[in-house]
Amino acid sequence: MIFIVSVCNSLRLSTLNQGNIDAETIPNVYQFYTRLSTFGVHRVTGTFFTFQVKSCRDAAVLLSTSTDLISPNFYEIFYGGNGNSKIYLSRNYGTNVAQSNARNLLDCNNMVTLWISWANGILKTGTGSILGLNQIMEWNDPNSPLDVAGIGIMSAWGSNAEWIFSSGDIGYDTKFCGSAGKSFTNTGVTVYNLTELKCAFRCIVSASCVGFDYNDQLQKCHMVTDNGFLQNGHGNDSILYTKCWSI
């Protein structure tokens, strides 16, 4: 079911520590990533984006050839590696194709703005909100460039993370996208005893609503506001509806 909406907000996510894992050591590392497609980013049409992240160390971004990330072909960029002193880049499992010094890049208490681009197989990343400025790393893929279709985020090696993708960096497609069997956790979330359709209309008329989680068995919905950080939940009877975005 798809609903039309007319407002656009930032996408805020939180990720919990996944342990001591990365693409160099774990073949299926993509399974530990939070897929942005779960939260409505269902298409990747561009070759760059900016984001904000708050973490003490080891916040990673996965650029995958698959929307659901289930693919052995990907680029992994690890920010704040080696005790928040380096950025590591891997192409697929078992590789470390590039690294750069970036001491104290991440901040435990404040959001840090970063940008990343992959046009023509040239991986670049830096700080700030302007693409190309304050560049920290650049690597030219000597093989055929990967066609990025999905994006994932992960926090590991002892740290949690909070992420913000602003409406200026993602395009809004004026629809809700549903992810069956997915729910979210959001501190202070409001619960309504409403039908699925009425939940959608309530979200439409709220300027702060970015989506809703609906449990068909309980016939309850939880409104997602743009000032909360979302996580994957465990409600098997839930469908998470978030705005359909594309990067």
Protein backbone atom coordinates (compact mmCIF):
# COMPACT_ATOMS: atom_id res chain seq x y z
CA MET A 1 0.00 0.00 0.00
CA ILE A 2 1.35 3.45 -0.94
CA PHE A 3 0.19 6.78 0.44
CA ILE A 4 0.84 10.25 -0.96
CA VAL A 5 2.42 12.80 1.36
CA SER A 6 3.51 16.39 0.84
CA VAL A 7 6.25 17.24 3.34
CA CYS A 8 9.94 16.40 3.53
CA ASN A 9 12.10 15.96 6.63
CA SER A 10 15.51 14.72 7.63
CA LEU A 11 16.13 11.01 8.03
CA ARG A 12 17.66 10.29 11.45
CA LEU A 13 18.95 6.83 12.33
CA SER A 14 20.81 5.26 15.21
CA THR A 15 22.96 2.12 15.00
CA LEU A 16 24.21 -0.05 17.83
CA ASN A 17 27.70 -1.53 18.15
CA GLN A 18 27.98 -4.62 15.92
CA GLY A 19 31.22 -5.84 17.46
CA ASN A 20 34.71 -6.25 16.09
CA ILE A 21 33.86 -6.68 12.43
CA ASP A 22 34.76 -5.10 9.09
CA ALA A 23 35.12 -6.10 5.45
CA GLU A 24 38.72 -7.21 5.92
CA THR A 25 37.77 -10.00 8.33
CA ILE A 26 34.08 -10.88 7.79
CA PRO A 27 32.95 -12.26 4.37
CA ASN A 28 29.27 -11.41 4.93
CA VAL A 29 29.88 -8.08 6.65
CA TYR A 30 26.99 -6.57 4.66
CA GLN A 31 24.54 -8.51 6.85
CA PHE A 32 25.54 -6.38 9.84
CA TYR A 33 24.70 -3.10 8.12
CA THR A 34 21.47 -1.13 8.50
CA ARG A 35 19.99 -0.74 5.03
CA LEU A 36 18.80 2.74 4.15
CA SER A 37 16.23 1.06 1.91
CA THR A 38 14.44 -0.13 5.07
CA PHE A 39 13.82 3.51 5.93
CA GLY A 40 12.62 4.63 2.52
CA VAL A 41 15.82 5.27 0.51
CA HIS A 42 14.77 2.87 -2.22
CA ARG A 43 16.82 4.24 -5.12
CA VAL A 44 20.40 5.44 -5.63
CA THR A 45 20.46 7.62 -8.71
CA GLY A 46 23.38 9.93 -7.92
CA THR A 47 27.07 9.43 -7.18
CA PHE A 48 27.51 11.39 -3.93
CA PHE A 49 25.82 12.48 -0.72
CA THR A 50 26.61 14.24 2.54
CA PHE A 51 25.63 13.12 6.02
CA GLN A 52 26.21 13.78 9.70
CA VAL A 53 27.37 11.22 12.23
CA LYS A 54 28.00 11.26 15.97
CA SER A 55 30.20 8.44 17.27
CA CYS A 56 33.37 7.94 19.28
CA ARG A 57 34.95 5.78 16.58
CA ASP A 58 34.34 3.23 13.80
CA ALA A 59 31.29 4.44 11.89
CA ALA A 60 31.10 2.76 8.48
CA VAL A 61 29.27 3.32 5.20
CA LEU A 62 28.67 0.54 2.68
CA LEU A 63 28.10 1.29 -1.01
CA SER A 64 26.65 -1.91 -2.46
CA THR A 65 25.67 -3.13 -5.91
CA SER A 66 22.44 -4.44 -4.35
CA THR A 67 19.62 -2.38 -2.85
CA ASP A 68 19.29 -4.85 0.04
CA LEU A 69 23.12 -4.99 0.40
CA ILE A 70 23.17 -8.79 -0.04
CA SER A 71 26.04 -8.79 -2.51
CA PRO A 72 29.77 -9.60 -2.36
CA ASN A 73 30.47 -6.47 -4.43
CA PHE A 74 30.70 -3.28 -2.41
CA TYR A 75 32.86 -0.41 -1.19
CA GLU A 76 33.23 -0.06 2.58
CA ILE A 77 34.43 3.23 4.07
CA PHE A 78 35.35 3.00 7.76
CA TYR A 79 35.52 6.39 9.49
CA GLY A 80 37.34 6.69 12.82
CA GLY A 81 39.15 3.37 12.55
CA ASN A 82 42.17 2.42 14.66
CA GLY A 83 40.98 4.35 17.70
CA ASN A 84 39.53 7.29 15.73
CA SER A 85 42.76 7.98 13.86
CA LYS A 86 42.22 6.65 10.31
CA ILE A 87 39.81 6.14 7.44
CA TYR A 88 39.93 2.71 5.80
CA LEU A 89 38.55 1.78 2.38
CA SER A 90 37.82 -1.78 1.28
CA ARG A 91 36.58 -3.11 -2.05
CA ASN A 92 34.75 -6.36 -1.31
CA TYR A 93 35.78 -8.85 1.36
CA GLY A 94 39.37 -9.32 2.49
CA THR A 95 40.80 -6.10 1.12
CA ASN A 96 42.12 -2.81 2.41
CA VAL A 97 42.76 -0.85 -0.75
CA ALA A 98 43.40 2.55 0.84
CA GLN A 99 43.75 4.33 4.16
CA SER A 100 44.28 7.90 5.29
CA ASN A 101 45.22 9.55 8.54
CA ALA A 102 42.27 11.34 10.13
CA ARG A 103 43.02 11.77 13.82
CA ASN A 104 40.03 12.66 16.00
CA LEU A 105 37.75 12.81 12.98
CA LEU A 106 34.67 11.60 14.85
CA ASP A 107 33.22 13.15 18.00
CA CYS A 108 31.48 11.31 20.85
CA ASN A 109 29.26 14.28 21.67
CA ASN A 110 28.73 16.22 18.45
CA MET A 111 27.67 15.58 14.89
CA VAL A 112 30.43 15.64 12.26
CA THR A 113 29.48 16.46 8.67
CA LEU A 114 31.07 14.29 5.96
CA TRP A 115 30.69 13.87 2.22
CA ILE A 116 31.39 10.90 -0.02
CA SER A 117 31.42 10.47 -3.81
CA TRP A 118 32.08 7.56 -6.19
CA ALA A 119 31.68 8.99 -9.69
CA ASN A 120 33.46 6.94 -12.39
CA GLY A 121 34.90 4.59 -9.78
CA ILE A 122 36.88 7.34 -8.05
CA LEU A 123 36.13 7.10 -4.34
CA LYS A 124 36.53 10.40 -2.48
CA THR A 125 35.54 11.56 0.99
CA GLY A 126 36.06 14.59 3.15
CA THR A 127 34.61 16.81 5.85
CA GLY A 128 31.98 19.51 5.60
CA SER A 129 28.84 19.86 3.52
CA ILE A 130 30.42 21.00 0.24
CA LEU A 131 31.39 18.22 -2.16
CA GLY A 132 35.10 18.31 -3.02
CA LEU A 133 36.25 20.58 -0.18
CA ASN A 134 38.37 19.41 2.77
CA GLN A 135 39.10 16.10 1.03
CA ILE A 136 40.74 13.43 3.18
CA MET A 137 40.93 10.39 0.90
CA GLU A 138 40.86 9.56 -2.81
CA TRP A 139 41.16 6.16 -4.48
CA ASN A 140 40.71 5.26 -8.15
CA ASP A 141 39.23 1.78 -8.63
CA PRO A 142 41.56 -0.01 -11.11
CA ASN A 143 38.78 -2.47 -11.94
CA SER A 144 35.39 -1.82 -13.49
CA PRO A 145 33.62 0.66 -11.18
CA LEU A 146 30.87 -0.83 -9.07
CA ASP A 147 27.35 0.31 -9.90
CA VAL A 148 26.08 1.47 -6.50
CA ALA A 149 22.42 0.56 -5.90
CA GLY A 150 22.17 0.41 -2.10
CA ILE A 151 23.65 2.19 0.91
CA GLY A 152 24.18 0.84 4.42
CA ILE A 153 25.49 2.25 7.71
CA MET A 154 27.08 0.48 10.66
CA SER A 155 28.78 1.20 13.98
CA ALA A 156 31.32 -1.27 15.31
CA TRP A 157 34.36 -1.94 17.48
CA GLY A 158 32.67 -0.79 20.69
CA SER A 159 30.77 2.31 19.56
CA ASN A 160 27.18 3.22 18.79
CA ALA A 161 26.35 5.98 16.32
CA GLU A 162 23.68 8.48 15.36
CA TRP A 163 23.24 9.56 11.74
CA ILE A 164 21.41 12.37 9.95
CA PHE A 165 20.64 12.47 6.22
CA SER A 166 19.09 15.85 5.54
CA SER A 167 16.37 16.60 3.01
CA GLY A 168 18.91 18.60 1.02
CA ASP A 169 20.94 15.45 0.34
CA ILE A 170 18.10 13.08 -0.53
CA GLY A 171 15.31 13.51 -3.05
CA TYR A 172 11.76 12.98 -1.82
CA ASP A 173 9.45 10.95 -4.09
CA THR A 174 6.13 12.03 -2.45
CA LYS A 175 5.16 8.50 -1.38
CA PHE A 176 5.39 6.13 1.58
CA CYS A 177 7.49 2.97 1.18
CA GLY A 178 6.63 -0.06 3.30
CA SER A 179 9.07 -2.60 4.75
CA ALA A 180 7.18 -5.70 5.89
CA GLY A 181 8.34 -7.36 9.08
CA LYS A 182 10.28 -4.27 10.11
CA SER A 183 9.58 -2.04 13.06
CA PHE A 184 11.45 0.71 14.80
CA THR A 185 12.32 2.01 18.25
CA ASN A 186 11.92 5.70 18.93
CA THR A 187 12.01 7.10 22.47
CA GLY A 188 8.82 8.95 23.33
CA VAL A 189 6.98 7.73 20.24
CA THR A 190 3.19 8.27 20.20
CA VAL A 191 0.92 5.21 19.85
CA TYR A 192 -2.53 5.41 18.24
CA ASN A 193 -5.33 2.83 18.06
CA LEU A 194 -6.18 3.54 14.43
CA THR A 195 -6.58 1.74 11.14
CA GLU A 196 -3.66 1.73 8.74
CA LEU A 197 -5.31 4.27 6.46
CA LYS A 198 -6.14 6.64 9.32
CA CYS A 199 -2.54 6.38 10.54
CA ALA A 200 -1.39 7.47 7.09
CA PHE A 201 -3.71 10.46 7.05
CA ARG A 202 -2.62 11.49 10.54
CA CYS A 203 0.99 11.41 9.36
CA ILE A 204 0.16 13.37 6.20
CA VAL A 205 -1.26 16.32 8.12
CA SER A 206 1.62 16.42 10.61
CA ALA A 207 4.59 18.53 9.54
CA SER A 208 6.91 16.62 11.89
CA CYS A 209 5.88 13.09 10.84
CA VAL A 210 8.33 11.24 8.61
CA GLY A 211 6.53 7.89 8.67
CA PHE A 212 4.76 5.37 10.85
CA ASP A 213 5.01 1.79 12.03
CA TYR A 214 1.78 -0.21 11.83
CA ASN A 215 1.05 -3.46 13.67
CA ASP A 216 -1.81 -5.20 11.90
CA GLN A 217 -2.38 -7.73 14.68
CA LEU A 218 -2.79 -5.05 17.35
CA GLN A 219 -4.17 -2.44 14.93
CA LYS A 220 -1.89 0.18 16.40
CA CYS A 221 0.46 2.62 14.79
CA HIS A 222 3.51 4.45 16.11
CA MET A 223 4.26 7.84 14.58
CA VAL A 224 7.83 8.58 13.57
CA THR A 225 8.84 12.19 14.14
CA ASP A 226 11.78 13.97 12.59
CA ASN A 227 13.45 14.67 15.96
CA GLY A 228 13.90 11.04 16.95
CA PHE A 229 16.59 8.56 15.92
CA LEU A 230 15.28 5.33 14.42
CA GLN A 231 16.54 1.79 14.82
CA ASN A 232 15.52 -1.55 13.39
CA GLY A 233 13.04 -3.23 15.71
CA HIS A 234 11.84 -6.79 16.15
CA GLY A 235 8.10 -6.57 15.48
CA ASN A 236 7.42 -9.39 13.03
CA ASP A 237 3.82 -8.25 12.63
CA SER A 238 4.76 -4.68 11.83
CA ILE A 239 5.20 -2.77 8.61
CA LEU A 240 7.37 0.33 8.74
CA TYR A 241 6.19 3.04 6.36
CA THR A 242 8.67 5.82 5.72
CA LYS A 243 8.86 8.44 3.02
CA CYS A 244 10.30 7.22 -0.25
CA TRP A 245 13.63 8.93 -0.83
CA SER A 246 16.38 8.55 -3.39
CA ILE A 247 20.04 9.55 -3.15
